Amino acid sequence: MEKDLILEMIEKLRSGQINEWYVHKEVFLDVRSIVVALEDFKHFRGIAQRSGDVIYQYLQEPRS
């Protein structure tokens, strides 16, 4: 997955345009490497799915 598209989806999560983002396991590592490098990394919640996919959500309060 292209970095520009990943950053666009992250910004949509932050702004509230989307509530969650379903990421397929094939691109999970690409997405994760960008998310963990963000300053507001603790605001992102990744919910693992049974198939290896992940649903990302953006939290107003950072997780602990």
Protein backbone atom coordinates (compact mmCIF):
# COMPACT_ATOMS: atom_id res chain seq x y z
CA MET A 1 0.00 0.00 0.00
CA GLU A 2 1.30 3.45 -0.85
CA LYS A 3 2.41 5.72 1.96
CA ASP A 4 0.27 8.61 0.67
CA LEU A 5 -2.89 6.50 0.87
CA ILE A 6 -2.01 5.32 4.38
CA LEU A 7 -1.46 8.90 5.55
CA GLU A 8 -4.75 9.96 3.94
CA MET A 9 -6.65 7.25 5.81
CA ILE A 10 -4.90 8.17 9.08
CA GLU A 11 -5.96 11.79 8.62
CA LYS A 12 -9.56 10.70 7.97
CA LEU A 13 -9.51 8.78 11.26
CA ARG A 14 -8.10 11.77 13.13
CA SER A 15 -10.64 14.19 11.72
CA GLY A 16 -13.58 11.88 12.36
CA GLN A 17 -14.52 11.51 8.69
CA ILE A 18 -14.39 7.75 9.30
CA ASN A 19 -14.87 5.90 12.60
CA GLU A 20 -12.72 2.90 11.78
CA TRP A 21 -10.41 1.61 9.10
CA TYR A 22 -10.31 -2.07 8.15
CA VAL A 23 -6.73 -3.03 7.23
CA HIS A 24 -6.07 -6.36 5.52
CA LYS A 25 -3.23 -8.51 6.85
CA GLU A 26 -1.27 -8.15 3.61
CA VAL A 27 -0.72 -4.41 4.25
CA PHE A 28 -0.83 -4.42 8.05
CA LEU A 29 2.95 -4.14 8.51
CA ASP A 30 3.12 -1.18 6.10
CA VAL A 31 0.37 0.62 8.02
CA ARG A 32 1.73 -0.27 11.45
CA SER A 33 5.23 1.02 10.64
CA ILE A 34 3.73 4.44 9.88
CA VAL A 35 1.28 4.51 12.79
CA VAL A 36 3.91 3.71 15.45
CA ALA A 37 6.09 6.57 14.19
CA LEU A 38 3.35 9.17 14.74
CA GLU A 39 3.39 11.59 17.68
CA ASP A 40 -0.19 10.69 18.56
CA PHE A 41 0.47 6.94 18.28
CA LYS A 42 -1.26 6.26 21.61
CA HIS A 43 -4.54 7.59 20.19
CA PHE A 44 -4.72 4.73 17.69
CA ARG A 45 -6.31 1.44 18.69
CA GLY A 46 -5.77 -1.64 16.56
CA ILE A 47 -8.31 -4.41 17.08
CA ALA A 48 -7.07 -7.75 15.76
CA GLN A 49 -9.50 -9.83 13.76
CA ARG A 50 -9.55 -13.59 13.54
CA SER A 51 -8.27 -13.63 9.95
CA GLY A 52 -5.19 -11.53 10.74
CA ASP A 53 -6.77 -8.28 9.62
CA VAL A 54 -6.92 -5.25 11.93
CA ILE A 55 -9.53 -2.56 12.55
CA TYR A 56 -7.97 0.79 13.45
CA GLN A 57 -9.84 3.39 15.49
CA TYR A 58 -8.79 6.84 16.66
CA LEU A 59 -9.40 7.62 20.33
CA GLN A 60 -9.87 11.13 21.72
CA GLU A 61 -8.05 10.09 24.91
CA PRO A 62 -4.70 8.32 24.52
CA ARG A 63 -4.63 4.73 25.68
CA SER A 64 -2.37 3.88 28.59
